[in-house]
Amino acid sequence: MPERLKKAKKKVVGTKQTLKNIENKKVKVVYIAENADERVVSPIIKLCENQEVEIVYVETKEQLGLLCGIQVGAAAAAFTDGK
């Protein structure tokens, strides 16, 4: 399922951008690295649960970064509906 992120046309990378897009109800699916710092990703997880946004866990930040097409790790990412 993480391959969906790699193929997504519109995606956001990073905790701040992911959180912002969830708040604006533009996110379909959120990806979170399992080795991300809990205090960094917990606000995203809580907001996803409140808004019933699907969460997909990826094993490491490095893997998530590669799925996003960047050379560094990422704690969170999402693909948006483009609104």
C-alpha atoms as a PDB file:
ATOM      1  CA  MET A   1       0.000   0.000   0.000  1.00  0.00           C
ATOM      2  CA  PRO A   2       2.850   2.493   0.514  1.00  0.00           C
ATOM      3  CA  GLU A   3       3.387   2.295  -3.249  1.00  0.00           C
ATOM      4  CA  ARG A   4       0.226   4.420  -3.618  1.00  0.00           C
ATOM      5  CA  LEU A   5       2.183   7.331  -2.163  1.00  0.00           C
ATOM      6  CA  LYS A   6       4.980   6.896  -4.683  1.00  0.00           C
ATOM      7  CA  LYS A   7       2.485   7.078  -7.555  1.00  0.00           C
ATOM      8  CA  ALA A   8       0.386   9.918  -6.100  1.00  0.00           C
ATOM      9  CA  LYS A   9       0.316  13.065  -8.217  1.00  0.00           C
ATOM     10  CA  LYS A  10      -0.283  15.436  -5.313  1.00  0.00           C
ATOM     11  CA  LYS A  11       1.501  14.735  -2.057  1.00  0.00           C
ATOM     12  CA  VAL A  12       2.806  16.605   0.938  1.00  0.00           C
ATOM     13  CA  VAL A  13       5.899  15.647   2.882  1.00  0.00           C
ATOM     14  CA  GLY A  14       6.790  16.466   6.471  1.00  0.00           C
ATOM     15  CA  THR A  15       4.863  16.767   9.681  1.00  0.00           C
ATOM     16  CA  LYS A  16       3.970  20.451   9.399  1.00  0.00           C
ATOM     17  CA  GLN A  17       2.631  20.213   5.854  1.00  0.00           C
ATOM     18  CA  THR A  18       0.827  16.966   6.593  1.00  0.00           C
ATOM     19  CA  LEU A  19      -0.838  18.405   9.696  1.00  0.00           C
ATOM     20  CA  LYS A  20      -1.818  21.588   7.840  1.00  0.00           C
ATOM     21  CA  ASN A  21      -3.439  19.626   5.013  1.00  0.00           C
ATOM     22  CA  ILE A  22      -5.317  17.344   7.418  1.00  0.00           C
ATOM     23  CA  GLU A  23      -6.680  20.399   9.210  1.00  0.00           C
ATOM     24  CA  ASN A  24      -7.826  21.785   5.843  1.00  0.00           C
ATOM     25  CA  LYS A  25      -9.502  18.439   5.049  1.00  0.00           C
ATOM     26  CA  LYS A  26      -7.419  17.901   1.917  1.00  0.00           C
ATOM     27  CA  VAL A  27      -5.886  14.556   2.863  1.00  0.00           C
ATOM     28  CA  LYS A  28      -7.073  11.103   1.803  1.00  0.00           C
ATOM     29  CA  VAL A  29      -4.352   8.937   3.356  1.00  0.00           C
ATOM     30  CA  VAL A  30      -1.534   9.714   5.808  1.00  0.00           C
ATOM     31  CA  TYR A  31       1.734   7.791   5.941  1.00  0.00           C
ATOM     32  CA  ILE A  32       3.708   7.713   9.182  1.00  0.00           C
ATOM     33  CA  ALA A  33       7.140   6.230   9.806  1.00  0.00           C
ATOM     34  CA  GLU A  34       7.089   3.714  12.652  1.00  0.00           C
ATOM     35  CA  ASN A  35      10.456   4.960  13.931  1.00  0.00           C
ATOM     36  CA  ALA A  36       9.372   8.610  14.032  1.00  0.00           C
ATOM     37  CA  ASP A  37       9.464  10.397  17.376  1.00  0.00           C
ATOM     38  CA  GLU A  38       6.108   9.878  19.117  1.00  0.00           C
ATOM     39  CA  ARG A  39       5.806  13.525  20.186  1.00  0.00           C
ATOM     40  CA  VAL A  40       6.230  14.603  16.569  1.00  0.00           C
ATOM     41  CA  VAL A  41       3.603  12.342  15.022  1.00  0.00           C
ATOM     42  CA  SER A  42       1.050  12.038  17.843  1.00  0.00           C
ATOM     43  CA  PRO A  43      -0.817  15.260  16.855  1.00  0.00           C
ATOM     44  CA  ILE A  44      -1.148  13.889  13.316  1.00  0.00           C
ATOM     45  CA  ILE A  45      -2.416  10.521  14.554  1.00  0.00           C
ATOM     46  CA  LYS A  46      -4.988  12.158  16.845  1.00  0.00           C
ATOM     47  CA  LEU A  47      -6.263  14.443  14.095  1.00  0.00           C
ATOM     48  CA  CYS A  48      -6.502  11.527  11.656  1.00  0.00           C
ATOM     49  CA  GLU A  49      -8.522   9.552  14.175  1.00  0.00           C
ATOM     50  CA  ASN A  50     -10.867  12.498  14.762  1.00  0.00           C
ATOM     51  CA  GLN A  51     -11.386  13.070  11.040  1.00  0.00           C
ATOM     52  CA  GLU A  52     -11.404   9.364  10.130  1.00  0.00           C
ATOM     53  CA  VAL A  53      -8.415   9.705   7.796  1.00  0.00           C
ATOM     54  CA  GLU A  54      -6.705   6.434   6.914  1.00  0.00           C
ATOM     55  CA  ILE A  55      -3.213   5.946   8.405  1.00  0.00           C
ATOM     56  CA  VAL A  56      -0.628   3.693   6.781  1.00  0.00           C
ATOM     57  CA  TYR A  57       2.543   2.913   8.704  1.00  0.00           C
ATOM     58  CA  VAL A  58       5.885   2.626   6.942  1.00  0.00           C
ATOM     59  CA  GLU A  59       8.766   0.883   8.693  1.00  0.00           C
ATOM     60  CA  THR A  60      11.326   3.722   8.707  1.00  0.00           C
ATOM     61  CA  LYS A  61      11.665   7.429   8.034  1.00  0.00           C
ATOM     62  CA  GLU A  62      14.234   6.629   5.369  1.00  0.00           C
ATOM     63  CA  GLN A  63      11.791   4.361   3.517  1.00  0.00           C
ATOM     64  CA  LEU A  64       9.084   7.006   3.722  1.00  0.00           C
ATOM     65  CA  GLY A  65      11.474   9.610   2.340  1.00  0.00           C
ATOM     66  CA  LEU A  66      12.316   7.357  -0.600  1.00  0.00           C
ATOM     67  CA  LEU A  67       8.624   6.774  -1.309  1.00  0.00           C
ATOM     68  CA  CYS A  68       8.224  10.544  -1.417  1.00  0.00           C
ATOM     69  CA  GLY A  69      11.130  10.919  -3.820  1.00  0.00           C
ATOM     70  CA  ILE A  70      13.429  12.752  -1.407  1.00  0.00           C
ATOM     71  CA  GLN A  71      16.943  11.885  -0.252  1.00  0.00           C
ATOM     72  CA  VAL A  72      16.260  12.346   3.479  1.00  0.00           C
ATOM     73  CA  GLY A  73      13.924  10.683   5.948  1.00  0.00           C
ATOM     74  CA  ALA A  74      10.382  11.857   6.584  1.00  0.00           C
ATOM     75  CA  ALA A  75       8.282  11.265   9.690  1.00  0.00           C
ATOM     76  CA  ALA A  76       4.982  11.831   7.893  1.00  0.00           C
ATOM     77  CA  ALA A  77       3.559  12.343   4.439  1.00  0.00           C
ATOM     78  CA  ALA A  78       0.188  12.270   2.729  1.00  0.00           C
ATOM     79  CA  PHE A  79      -1.437  12.393  -0.611  1.00  0.00           C
ATOM     80  CA  THR A  80      -4.098  14.979  -1.139  1.00  0.00           C
ATOM     81  CA  ASP A  81      -7.240  15.266  -3.155  1.00  0.00           C
ATOM     82  CA  GLY A  82      -5.890  18.371  -4.882  1.00  0.00           C
ATOM     83  CA  LYS A  83      -8.559  20.810  -3.624  1.00  0.00           C
END
